[in-house]
Amino acid sequence: PNSITFVGVLSACNHRGLVNEGQEYFNKMIHQYKIKPVLQH
């Protein structure tokens, strides 16, 4: 996955109010996939 992939995943969590899942994916993006968060994330 790339930076845009996680914009999609985090947006999905946002549209349902999945706070815990959104935070988990945000951390996974940084630590597992080594993607630096940008303003959109």
PDB file of all heavy atoms in Angstrom:
ATOM      1  N   PRO A   1       0.834  -1.207   0.000  1.00  0.00           N
ATOM      2  CA  PRO A   1       0.000   0.000   0.000  1.00  0.00           C
ATOM      3  C   PRO A   1       0.862   1.248   0.000  1.00  0.00           C
ATOM      4  O   PRO A   1       2.015   1.222   0.436  1.00  0.00           O
ATOM      5  CB  PRO A   1      -0.809  -0.126   1.288  1.00  0.00           C
ATOM      6  CG  PRO A   1       0.032  -0.983   2.182  1.00  0.00           C
ATOM      7  CD  PRO A   1       0.744  -1.938   1.274  1.00  0.00           C
ATOM      8  N   ASN A   2       0.315   2.341  -0.484  1.00  0.00           N
ATOM      9  CA  ASN A   2       1.030   3.612  -0.458  1.00  0.00           C
ATOM     10  C   ASN A   2       0.236   4.637   0.335  1.00  0.00           C
ATOM     11  O   ASN A   2      -0.760   4.315   0.981  1.00  0.00           O
ATOM     12  CB  ASN A   2       1.348   4.091  -1.876  1.00  0.00           C
ATOM     13  CG  ASN A   2       0.093   4.319  -2.711  1.00  0.00           C
ATOM     14  OD1 ASN A   2      -1.011   4.478  -2.184  1.00  0.00           O
ATOM     15  ND2 ASN A   2       0.249   4.326  -4.027  1.00  0.00           N
ATOM     16  N   SER A   3       0.677   5.862   0.283  1.00  0.00           N
ATOM     17  CA  SER A   3       0.061   6.923   1.063  1.00  0.00           C
ATOM     18  C   SER A   3      -1.423   7.082   0.741  1.00  0.00           C
ATOM     19  O   SER A   3      -2.262   7.259   1.637  1.00  0.00           O
ATOM     20  CB  SER A   3       0.802   8.241   0.793  1.00  0.00           C
ATOM     21  OG  SER A   3       0.253   9.307   1.506  1.00  0.00           O
ATOM     22  N   ILE A   4      -1.779   6.978  -0.532  1.00  0.00           N
ATOM     23  CA  ILE A   4      -3.168   7.155  -0.947  1.00  0.00           C
ATOM     24  C   ILE A   4      -4.038   6.015  -0.434  1.00  0.00           C
ATOM     25  O   ILE A   4      -5.205   6.224  -0.076  1.00  0.00           O
ATOM     26  CB  ILE A   4      -3.245   7.275  -2.485  1.00  0.00           C
ATOM     27  CG1 ILE A   4      -2.513   8.534  -2.953  1.00  0.00           C
ATOM     28  CG2 ILE A   4      -4.694   7.309  -2.959  1.00  0.00           C
ATOM     29  CD1 ILE A   4      -2.356   8.648  -4.441  1.00  0.00           C
ATOM     30  N   THR A   5      -3.482   4.812  -0.395  1.00  0.00           N
ATOM     31  CA  THR A   5      -4.239   3.674   0.132  1.00  0.00           C
ATOM     32  C   THR A   5      -4.750   3.976   1.525  1.00  0.00           C
ATOM     33  O   THR A   5      -5.924   3.716   1.849  1.00  0.00           O
ATOM     34  CB  THR A   5      -3.352   2.407   0.192  1.00  0.00           C
ATOM     35  OG1 THR A   5      -2.609   2.264  -1.009  1.00  0.00           O
ATOM     36  CG2 THR A   5      -4.212   1.170   0.430  1.00  0.00           C
ATOM     37  N   PHE A   6      -3.896   4.551   2.360  1.00  0.00           N
ATOM     38  CA  PHE A   6      -4.287   4.797   3.747  1.00  0.00           C
ATOM     39  C   PHE A   6      -5.224   5.999   3.877  1.00  0.00           C
ATOM     40  O   PHE A   6      -5.969   6.083   4.851  1.00  0.00           O
ATOM     41  CB  PHE A   6      -3.057   4.934   4.627  1.00  0.00           C
ATOM     42  CG  PHE A   6      -2.463   3.607   4.993  1.00  0.00           C
ATOM     43  CD1 PHE A   6      -1.394   3.080   4.290  1.00  0.00           C
ATOM     44  CD2 PHE A   6      -3.012   2.862   6.031  1.00  0.00           C
ATOM     45  CE1 PHE A   6      -0.872   1.842   4.613  1.00  0.00           C
ATOM     46  CE2 PHE A   6      -2.491   1.624   6.372  1.00  0.00           C
ATOM     47  CZ  PHE A   6      -1.420   1.102   5.659  1.00  0.00           C
ATOM     48  N   VAL A   7      -5.203   6.905   2.899  1.00  0.00           N
ATOM     49  CA  VAL A   7      -6.239   7.943   2.888  1.00  0.00           C
ATOM     50  C   VAL A   7      -7.599   7.287   2.738  1.00  0.00           C
ATOM     51  O   VAL A   7      -8.566   7.636   3.434  1.00  0.00           O
ATOM     52  CB  VAL A   7      -6.004   8.952   1.743  1.00  0.00           C
ATOM     53  CG1 VAL A   7      -7.201   9.883   1.598  1.00  0.00           C
ATOM     54  CG2 VAL A   7      -4.732   9.769   1.997  1.00  0.00           C
ATOM     55  N   GLY A   8      -7.679   6.278   1.848  1.00  0.00           N
ATOM     56  CA  GLY A   8      -8.930   5.557   1.658  1.00  0.00           C
ATOM     57  C   GLY A   8      -9.354   4.790   2.898  1.00  0.00           C
ATOM     58  O   GLY A   8     -10.521   4.833   3.311  1.00  0.00           O
ATOM     59  N   VAL A   9      -8.414   4.093   3.507  1.00  0.00           N
ATOM     60  CA  VAL A   9      -8.725   3.283   4.694  1.00  0.00           C
ATOM     61  C   VAL A   9      -9.150   4.176   5.858  1.00  0.00           C
ATOM     62  O   VAL A   9     -10.146   3.900   6.550  1.00  0.00           O
ATOM     63  CB  VAL A   9      -7.507   2.420   5.085  1.00  0.00           C
ATOM     64  CG1 VAL A   9      -7.720   1.745   6.431  1.00  0.00           C
ATOM     65  CG2 VAL A   9      -7.240   1.373   4.008  1.00  0.00           C
ATOM     66  N   LEU A  10      -8.412   5.249   6.106  1.00  0.00           N
ATOM     67  CA  LEU A  10      -8.760   6.157   7.207  1.00  0.00           C
ATOM     68  C   LEU A  10     -10.073   6.883   6.943  1.00  0.00           C
ATOM     69  O   LEU A  10     -10.850   7.128   7.874  1.00  0.00           O
ATOM     70  CB  LEU A  10      -7.626   7.168   7.418  1.00  0.00           C
ATOM     71  CG  LEU A  10      -6.307   6.592   7.954  1.00  0.00           C
ATOM     72  CD1 LEU A  10      -5.211   7.658   7.939  1.00  0.00           C
ATOM     73  CD2 LEU A  10      -6.477   6.033   9.356  1.00  0.00           C
ATOM     74  N   SER A  11     -10.343   7.214   5.673  1.00  0.00           N
ATOM     75  CA  SER A  11     -11.622   7.838   5.330  1.00  0.00           C
ATOM     76  C   SER A  11     -12.773   6.891   5.618  1.00  0.00           C
ATOM     77  O   SER A  11     -13.834   7.314   6.103  1.00  0.00           O
ATOM     78  CB  SER A  11     -11.648   8.244   3.846  1.00  0.00           C
ATOM     79  OG  SER A  11     -10.697   9.239   3.582  1.00  0.00           O
ATOM     80  N   ALA A  12     -12.572   5.609   5.311  1.00  0.00           N
ATOM     81  CA  ALA A  12     -13.614   4.617   5.581  1.00  0.00           C
ATOM     82  C   ALA A  12     -13.913   4.553   7.076  1.00  0.00           C
ATOM     83  O   ALA A  12     -15.077   4.565   7.496  1.00  0.00           O
ATOM     84  CB  ALA A  12     -13.175   3.247   5.059  1.00  0.00           C
ATOM     85  N   CYS A  13     -12.872   4.486   7.892  1.00  0.00           N
ATOM     86  CA  CYS A  13     -13.059   4.472   9.347  1.00  0.00           C
ATOM     87  C   CYS A  13     -13.772   5.743   9.807  1.00  0.00           C
ATOM     88  O   CYS A  13     -14.645   5.699  10.691  1.00  0.00           O
ATOM     89  CB  CYS A  13     -11.714   4.338  10.051  1.00  0.00           C
ATOM     90  SG  CYS A  13     -10.864   2.764   9.759  1.00  0.00           S
ATOM     91  N   ASN A  14     -13.420   6.845   9.192  1.00  0.00           N
ATOM     92  CA  ASN A  14     -14.012   8.131   9.559  1.00  0.00           C
ATOM     93  C   ASN A  14     -15.514   8.150   9.289  1.00  0.00           C
ATOM     94  O   ASN A  14     -16.307   8.638  10.099  1.00  0.00           O
ATOM     95  CB  ASN A  14     -13.307   9.247   8.785  1.00  0.00           C
ATOM     96  CG  ASN A  14     -13.725  10.630   9.230  1.00  0.00           C
ATOM     97  OD1 ASN A  14     -14.362  10.805  10.259  1.00  0.00           O
ATOM     98  ND2 ASN A  14     -13.367  11.623   8.450  1.00  0.00           N
ATOM     99  N   HIS A  15     -15.916   7.612   8.133  1.00  0.00           N
ATOM    100  CA  HIS A  15     -17.329   7.649   7.750  1.00  0.00           C
ATOM    101  C   HIS A  15     -18.211   6.759   8.617  1.00  0.00           C
ATOM    102  O   HIS A  15     -19.430   6.883   8.576  1.00  0.00           O
ATOM    103  CB  HIS A  15     -17.486   7.269   6.276  1.00  0.00           C
ATOM    104  CG  HIS A  15     -16.974   8.303   5.332  1.00  0.00           C
ATOM    105  ND1 HIS A  15     -17.170   9.652   5.517  1.00  0.00           N
ATOM    106  CD2 HIS A  15     -16.254   8.195   4.179  1.00  0.00           C
ATOM    107  CE1 HIS A  15     -16.597  10.328   4.529  1.00  0.00           C
ATOM    108  NE2 HIS A  15     -16.030   9.472   3.715  1.00  0.00           N
ATOM    109  N   ARG A  16     -17.612   5.883   9.398  1.00  0.00           N
ATOM    110  CA  ARG A  16     -18.400   5.035  10.291  1.00  0.00           C
ATOM    111  C   ARG A  16     -18.116   5.335  11.765  1.00  0.00           C
ATOM    112  O   ARG A  16     -18.745   4.755  12.648  1.00  0.00           O
ATOM    113  CB  ARG A  16     -18.125   3.552   9.985  1.00  0.00           C
ATOM    114  CG  ARG A  16     -18.974   2.548  10.732  1.00  0.00           C
ATOM    115  CD  ARG A  16     -20.464   2.667  10.437  1.00  0.00           C
ATOM    116  NE  ARG A  16     -20.739   2.477   9.021  1.00  0.00           N
ATOM    117  CZ  ARG A  16     -20.822   1.292   8.418  1.00  0.00           C
ATOM    118  NH1 ARG A  16     -20.650   0.179   9.118  1.00  0.00           N
ATOM    119  NH2 ARG A  16     -21.074   1.216   7.133  1.00  0.00           N
ATOM    120  N   GLY A  17     -17.171   6.201  12.031  1.00  0.00           N
ATOM    121  CA  GLY A  17     -16.841   6.531  13.412  1.00  0.00           C
ATOM    122  C   GLY A  17     -16.051   5.456  14.113  1.00  0.00           C
ATOM    123  O   GLY A  17     -16.149   5.295  15.339  1.00  0.00           O
ATOM    124  N   LEU A  18     -15.235   4.699  13.356  1.00  0.00           N
ATOM    125  CA  LEU A  18     -14.432   3.610  13.934  1.00  0.00           C
ATOM    126  C   LEU A  18     -13.122   4.182  14.468  1.00  0.00           C
ATOM    127  O   LEU A  18     -12.076   4.108  13.821  1.00  0.00           O
ATOM    128  CB  LEU A  18     -14.174   2.540  12.871  1.00  0.00           C
ATOM    129  CG  LEU A  18     -15.410   1.932  12.201  1.00  0.00           C
ATOM    130  CD1 LEU A  18     -15.000   0.924  11.133  1.00  0.00           C
ATOM    131  CD2 LEU A  18     -16.314   1.275  13.238  1.00  0.00           C
ATOM    132  N   VAL A  19     -13.189   4.738  15.668  1.00  0.00           N
ATOM    133  CA  VAL A  19     -12.036   5.452  16.230  1.00  0.00           C
ATOM    134  C   VAL A  19     -10.866   4.514  16.479  1.00  0.00           C
ATOM    135  O   VAL A  19      -9.729   4.779  16.052  1.00  0.00           O
ATOM    136  CB  VAL A  19     -12.436   6.179  17.535  1.00  0.00           C
ATOM    137  CG1 VAL A  19     -11.205   6.814  18.184  1.00  0.00           C
ATOM    138  CG2 VAL A  19     -13.493   7.239  17.246  1.00  0.00           C
ATOM    139  N   ASN A  20     -11.096   3.411  17.178  1.00  0.00           N
ATOM    140  CA  ASN A  20     -10.003   2.488  17.505  1.00  0.00           C
ATOM    141  C   ASN A  20      -9.359   1.925  16.243  1.00  0.00           C
ATOM    142  O   ASN A  20      -8.129   1.856  16.131  1.00  0.00           O
ATOM    143  CB  ASN A  20     -10.518   1.348  18.388  1.00  0.00           C
ATOM    144  CG  ASN A  20     -10.927   1.819  19.769  1.00  0.00           C
ATOM    145  OD1 ASN A  20     -10.442   2.846  20.251  1.00  0.00           O
ATOM    146  ND2 ASN A  20     -11.823   1.098  20.418  1.00  0.00           N
ATOM    147  N   GLU A  21     -10.217   1.514  15.283  1.00  0.00           N
ATOM    148  CA  GLU A  21      -9.686   0.956  14.037  1.00  0.00           C
ATOM    149  C   GLU A  21      -8.880   2.004  13.268  1.00  0.00           C
ATOM    150  O   GLU A  21      -7.820   1.701  12.712  1.00  0.00           O
ATOM    151  CB  GLU A  21     -10.820   0.426  13.165  1.00  0.00           C
ATOM    152  CG  GLU A  21     -11.515  -0.812  13.703  1.00  0.00           C
ATOM    153  CD  GLU A  21     -12.625  -0.481  14.700  1.00  0.00           C
ATOM    154  OE1 GLU A  21     -12.666   0.672  15.189  1.00  0.00           O
ATOM    155  OE2 GLU A  21     -13.431  -1.372  14.998  1.00  0.00           O
ATOM    156  N   GLY A  22      -9.380   3.235  13.234  1.00  0.00           N
ATOM    157  CA  GLY A  22      -8.664   4.295  12.531  1.00  0.00           C
ATOM    158  C   GLY A  22      -7.292   4.548  13.132  1.00  0.00           C
ATOM    159  O   GLY A  22      -6.301   4.700  12.407  1.00  0.00           O
ATOM    160  N   GLN A  23      -7.224   4.557  14.461  1.00  0.00           N
ATOM    161  CA  GLN A  23      -5.932   4.768  15.120  1.00  0.00           C
ATOM    162  C   GLN A  23      -4.986   3.597  14.872  1.00  0.00           C
ATOM    163  O   GLN A  23      -3.779   3.784  14.687  1.00  0.00           O
ATOM    164  CB  GLN A  23      -6.152   4.976  16.616  1.00  0.00           C
ATOM    165  CG  GLN A  23      -6.835   6.305  16.943  1.00  0.00           C
ATOM    166  CD  GLN A  23      -7.175   6.444  18.410  1.00  0.00           C
ATOM    167  OE1 GLN A  23      -7.539   5.479  19.085  1.00  0.00           O
ATOM    168  NE2 GLN A  23      -7.081   7.665  18.919  1.00  0.00           N
ATOM    169  N   GLU A  24      -5.549   2.378  14.838  1.00  0.00           N
ATOM    170  CA  GLU A  24      -4.716   1.201  14.557  1.00  0.00           C
ATOM    171  C   GLU A  24      -4.129   1.265  13.150  1.00  0.00           C
ATOM    172  O   GLU A  24      -2.944   0.979  12.933  1.00  0.00           O
ATOM    173  CB  GLU A  24      -5.547  -0.075  14.723  1.00  0.00           C
ATOM    174  CG  GLU A  24      -5.852  -0.435  16.173  1.00  0.00           C
ATOM    175  CD  GLU A  24      -6.790  -1.627  16.291  1.00  0.00           C
ATOM    176  OE1 GLU A  24      -7.045  -2.281  15.254  1.00  0.00           O
ATOM    177  OE2 GLU A  24      -7.262  -1.901  17.412  1.00  0.00           O
ATOM    178  N   TYR A  25      -4.968   1.620  12.160  1.00  0.00           N
ATOM    179  CA  TYR A  25      -4.470   1.710  10.782  1.00  0.00           C
ATOM    180  C   TYR A  25      -3.451   2.842  10.646  1.00  0.00           C
ATOM    181  O   TYR A  25      -2.473   2.716   9.888  1.00  0.00           O
ATOM    182  CB  TYR A  25      -5.628   1.919   9.805  1.00  0.00           C
ATOM    183  CG  TYR A  25      -6.361   0.641   9.464  1.00  0.00           C
ATOM    184  CD1 TYR A  25      -7.679   0.434   9.868  1.00  0.00           C
ATOM    185  CD2 TYR A  25      -5.737  -0.361   8.723  1.00  0.00           C
ATOM    186  CE1 TYR A  25      -8.355  -0.743   9.546  1.00  0.00           C
ATOM    187  CE2 TYR A  25      -6.401  -1.535   8.397  1.00  0.00           C
ATOM    188  CZ  TYR A  25      -7.712  -1.723   8.808  1.00  0.00           C
ATOM    189  OH  TYR A  25      -8.364  -2.879   8.495  1.00  0.00           O
ATOM    190  N   PHE A  26      -3.661   3.938  11.343  1.00  0.00           N
ATOM    191  CA  PHE A  26      -2.715   5.052  11.309  1.00  0.00           C
ATOM    192  C   PHE A  26      -1.348   4.595  11.838  1.00  0.00           C
ATOM    193  O   PHE A  26      -0.304   4.884  11.229  1.00  0.00           O
ATOM    194  CB  PHE A  26      -3.262   6.205  12.152  1.00  0.00           C
ATOM    195  CG  PHE A  26      -2.448   7.472  12.073  1.00  0.00           C
ATOM    196  CD1 PHE A  26      -2.586   8.341  11.004  1.00  0.00           C
ATOM    197  CD2 PHE A  26      -1.543   7.802  13.079  1.00  0.00           C
ATOM    198  CE1 PHE A  26      -1.852   9.523  10.934  1.00  0.00           C
ATOM    199  CE2 PHE A  26      -0.801   8.961  13.020  1.00  0.00           C
ATOM    200  CZ  PHE A  26      -0.961   9.823  11.936  1.00  0.00           C
ATOM    201  N   ASN A  27      -1.352   3.868  12.947  1.00  0.00           N
ATOM    202  CA  ASN A  27      -0.093   3.359  13.509  1.00  0.00           C
ATOM    203  C   ASN A  27       0.537   2.306  12.607  1.00  0.00           C
ATOM    204  O   ASN A  27       1.765   2.253  12.443  1.00  0.00           O
ATOM    205  CB  ASN A  27      -0.350   2.771  14.905  1.00  0.00           C
ATOM    206  CG  ASN A  27      -0.706   3.845  15.920  1.00  0.00           C
ATOM    207  OD1 ASN A  27      -0.238   4.974  15.825  1.00  0.00           O
ATOM    208  ND2 ASN A  27      -1.544   3.513  16.885  1.00  0.00           N
ATOM    209  N   LYS A  28      -0.306   1.458  12.002  1.00  0.00           N
ATOM    210  CA  LYS A  28       0.207   0.425  11.099  1.00  0.00           C
ATOM    211  C   LYS A  28       0.872   1.067   9.885  1.00  0.00           C
ATOM    212  O   LYS A  28       1.912   0.590   9.416  1.00  0.00           O
ATOM    213  CB  LYS A  28      -0.955  -0.469  10.651  1.00  0.00           C
ATOM    214  CG  LYS A  28      -0.536  -1.659   9.797  1.00  0.00           C
ATOM    215  CD  LYS A  28      -1.749  -2.496   9.385  1.00  0.00           C
ATOM    216  CE  LYS A  28      -2.298  -3.260  10.573  1.00  0.00           C
ATOM    217  NZ  LYS A  28      -3.354  -4.227  10.149  1.00  0.00           N
ATOM    218  N   MET A  29       0.271   2.134   9.375  1.00  0.00           N
ATOM    219  CA  MET A  29       0.845   2.849   8.241  1.00  0.00           C
ATOM    220  C   MET A  29       2.267   3.316   8.556  1.00  0.00           C
ATOM    221  O   MET A  29       3.181   3.169   7.729  1.00  0.00           O
ATOM    222  CB  MET A  29      -0.047   4.043   7.903  1.00  0.00           C
ATOM    223  CG  MET A  29       0.501   4.960   6.827  1.00  0.00           C
ATOM    224  SD  MET A  29      -0.544   6.405   6.528  1.00  0.00           S
ATOM    225  CE  MET A  29      -0.217   7.359   8.007  1.00  0.00           C
ATOM    226  N   ILE A  30       2.451   3.858   9.759  1.00  0.00           N
ATOM    227  CA  ILE A  30       3.755   4.406  10.144  1.00  0.00           C
ATOM    228  C   ILE A  30       4.761   3.307  10.447  1.00  0.00           C
ATOM    229  O   ILE A  30       5.888   3.303   9.919  1.00  0.00           O
ATOM    230  CB  ILE A  30       3.605   5.328  11.376  1.00  0.00           C
ATOM    231  CG1 ILE A  30       2.700   6.518  11.047  1.00  0.00           C
ATOM    232  CG2 ILE A  30       4.972   5.818  11.846  1.00  0.00           C
ATOM    233  CD1 ILE A  30       2.310   7.346  12.259  1.00  0.00           C
ATOM    234  N   HIS A  31       4.373   2.364  11.291  1.00  0.00           N
ATOM    235  CA  HIS A  31       5.343   1.403  11.836  1.00  0.00           C
ATOM    236  C   HIS A  31       5.517   0.163  10.965  1.00  0.00           C
ATOM    237  O   HIS A  31       6.644  -0.332  10.824  1.00  0.00           O
ATOM    238  CB  HIS A  31       4.916   0.990  13.246  1.00  0.00           C
ATOM    239  CG  HIS A  31       4.828   2.141  14.206  1.00  0.00           C
ATOM    240  ND1 HIS A  31       5.921   2.906  14.545  1.00  0.00           N
ATOM    241  CD2 HIS A  31       3.767   2.683  14.873  1.00  0.00           C
ATOM    242  CE1 HIS A  31       5.559   3.863  15.389  1.00  0.00           C
ATOM    243  NE2 HIS A  31       4.243   3.754  15.602  1.00  0.00           N
ATOM    244  N   GLN A  32       4.434  -0.338  10.373  1.00  0.00           N
ATOM    245  CA  GLN A  32       4.559  -1.557   9.573  1.00  0.00           C
ATOM    246  C   GLN A  32       4.961  -1.248   8.132  1.00  0.00           C
ATOM    247  O   GLN A  32       5.816  -1.940   7.565  1.00  0.00           O
ATOM    248  CB  GLN A  32       3.244  -2.342   9.590  1.00  0.00           C
ATOM    249  CG  GLN A  32       3.303  -3.648   8.792  1.00  0.00           C
ATOM    250  CD  GLN A  32       2.032  -4.460   8.939  1.00  0.00           C
ATOM    251  OE1 GLN A  32       1.272  -4.313   9.904  1.00  0.00           O
ATOM    252  NE2 GLN A  32       1.775  -5.347   7.988  1.00  0.00           N
ATOM    253  N   TYR A  33       4.343  -0.193   7.564  1.00  0.00           N
ATOM    254  CA  TYR A  33       4.587   0.083   6.150  1.00  0.00           C
ATOM    255  C   TYR A  33       5.542   1.258   5.920  1.00  0.00           C
ATOM    256  O   TYR A  33       5.830   1.612   4.771  1.00  0.00           O
ATOM    257  CB  TYR A  33       3.260   0.339   5.439  1.00  0.00           C
ATOM    258  CG  TYR A  33       2.398  -0.907   5.382  1.00  0.00           C
ATOM    259  CD1 TYR A  33       1.308  -1.061   6.238  1.00  0.00           C
ATOM    260  CD2 TYR A  33       2.691  -1.941   4.502  1.00  0.00           C
ATOM    261  CE1 TYR A  33       0.519  -2.209   6.208  1.00  0.00           C
ATOM    262  CE2 TYR A  33       1.909  -3.088   4.452  1.00  0.00           C
ATOM    263  CZ  TYR A  33       0.826  -3.215   5.318  1.00  0.00           C
ATOM    264  OH  TYR A  33       0.055  -4.359   5.268  1.00  0.00           O
ATOM    265  N   LYS A  34       6.011   1.867   7.012  1.00  0.00           N
ATOM    266  CA  LYS A  34       7.033   2.916   6.952  1.00  0.00           C
ATOM    267  C   LYS A  34       6.602   4.092   6.045  1.00  0.00           C
ATOM    268  O   LYS A  34       7.402   4.665   5.306  1.00  0.00           O
ATOM    269  CB  LYS A  34       8.368   2.366   6.458  1.00  0.00           C
ATOM    270  CG  LYS A  34       8.838   1.112   7.176  1.00  0.00           C
ATOM    271  CD  LYS A  34       9.001   1.330   8.667  1.00  0.00           C
ATOM    272  CE  LYS A  34       9.501   0.078   9.382  1.00  0.00           C
ATOM    273  NZ  LYS A  34       9.509   0.225  10.846  1.00  0.00           N
ATOM    274  N   ILE A  35       5.329   4.443   6.106  1.00  0.00           N
ATOM    275  CA  ILE A  35       4.806   5.559   5.326  1.00  0.00           C
ATOM    276  C   ILE A  35       4.685   6.767   6.239  1.00  0.00           C
ATOM    277  O   ILE A  35       4.035   6.713   7.284  1.00  0.00           O
ATOM    278  CB  ILE A  35       3.432   5.214   4.707  1.00  0.00           C
ATOM    279  CG1 ILE A  35       3.580   4.066   3.709  1.00  0.00           C
ATOM    280  CG2 ILE A  35       2.821   6.435   4.027  1.00  0.00           C
ATOM    281  CD1 ILE A  35       2.268   3.522   3.196  1.00  0.00           C
ATOM    282  N   LYS A  36       5.311   7.849   5.847  1.00  0.00           N
ATOM    283  CA  LYS A  36       5.267   9.066   6.654  1.00  0.00           C
ATOM    284  C   LYS A  36       3.930   9.765   6.470  1.00  0.00           C
ATOM    285  O   LYS A  36       3.526  10.073   5.342  1.00  0.00           O
ATOM    286  CB  LYS A  36       6.407  10.004   6.244  1.00  0.00           C
ATOM    287  CG  LYS A  36       6.524  11.248   7.102  1.00  0.00           C
ATOM    288  CD  LYS A  36       7.703  12.099   6.653  1.00  0.00           C
ATOM    289  CE  LYS A  36       7.830  13.360   7.502  1.00  0.00           C
ATOM    290  NZ  LYS A  36       8.974  14.192   7.081  1.00  0.00           N
ATOM    291  N   PRO A  37       3.196  10.038   7.554  1.00  0.00           N
ATOM    292  CA  PRO A  37       1.886  10.681   7.413  1.00  0.00           C
ATOM    293  C   PRO A  37       2.011  12.083   6.836  1.00  0.00           C
ATOM    294  O   PRO A  37       2.935  12.826   7.152  1.00  0.00           O
ATOM    295  CB  PRO A  37       1.351  10.738   8.852  1.00  0.00           C
ATOM    296  CG  PRO A  37       2.196   9.812   9.645  1.00  0.00           C
ATOM    297  CD  PRO A  37       3.522   9.752   8.969  1.00  0.00           C
ATOM    298  N   VAL A  38       1.063  12.422   5.974  1.00  0.00           N
ATOM    299  CA  VAL A  38       0.976  13.773   5.425  1.00  0.00           C
ATOM    300  C   VAL A  38      -0.282  14.433   5.990  1.00  0.00           C
ATOM    301  O   VAL A  38      -1.030  13.837   6.759  1.00  0.00           O
ATOM    302  CB  VAL A  38       0.953  13.745   3.880  1.00  0.00           C
ATOM    303  CG1 VAL A  38       2.244  13.178   3.338  1.00  0.00           C
ATOM    304  CG2 VAL A  38      -0.237  12.947   3.357  1.00  0.00           C
ATOM    305  N   LEU A  39      -0.497  15.675   5.603  1.00  0.00           N
ATOM    306  CA  LEU A  39      -1.604  16.447   6.169  1.00  0.00           C
ATOM    307  C   LEU A  39      -2.947  15.752   5.978  1.00  0.00           C
ATOM    308  O   LEU A  39      -3.817  15.793   6.855  1.00  0.00           O
ATOM    309  CB  LEU A  39      -1.634  17.836   5.520  1.00  0.00           C
ATOM    310  CG  LEU A  39      -2.575  18.864   6.147  1.00  0.00           C
ATOM    311  CD1 LEU A  39      -2.224  19.118   7.606  1.00  0.00           C
ATOM    312  CD2 LEU A  39      -2.540  20.162   5.359  1.00  0.00           C
ATOM    313  N   GLN A  40      -3.125  15.079   4.844  1.00  0.00           N
ATOM    314  CA  GLN A  40      -4.399  14.417   4.564  1.00  0.00           C
ATOM    315  C   GLN A  40      -4.673  13.300   5.574  1.00  0.00           C
ATOM    316  O   GLN A  40      -5.814  13.094   5.992  1.00  0.00           O
ATOM    317  CB  GLN A  40      -4.398  13.859   3.144  1.00  0.00           C
ATOM    318  CG  GLN A  40      -5.745  13.980   2.464  1.00  0.00           C
ATOM    319  CD  GLN A  40      -5.673  13.609   1.000  1.00  0.00           C
ATOM    320  OE1 GLN A  40      -4.598  13.465   0.413  1.00  0.00           O
ATOM    321  NE2 GLN A  40      -6.829  13.457   0.385  1.00  0.00           N
ATOM    322  N   HIS A  41      -3.630  12.562   5.964  1.00  0.00           N
ATOM    323  CA  HIS A  41      -3.813  11.498   6.958  1.00  0.00           C
ATOM    324  C   HIS A  41      -4.199  12.076   8.312  1.00  0.00           C
ATOM    325  O   HIS A  41      -5.117  11.577   8.979  1.00  0.00           O
ATOM    326  CB  HIS A  41      -2.526  10.670   7.101  1.00  0.00           C
ATOM    327  CG  HIS A  41      -2.118   9.980   5.835  1.00  0.00           C
ATOM    328  ND1 HIS A  41      -0.912  10.208   5.228  1.00  0.00           N
ATOM    329  CD2 HIS A  41      -2.761   9.094   5.047  1.00  0.00           C
ATOM    330  CE1 HIS A  41      -0.820   9.475   4.137  1.00  0.00           C
ATOM    331  NE2 HIS A  41      -1.932   8.784   4.004  1.00  0.00           N
TER     332      HIS A  41
END
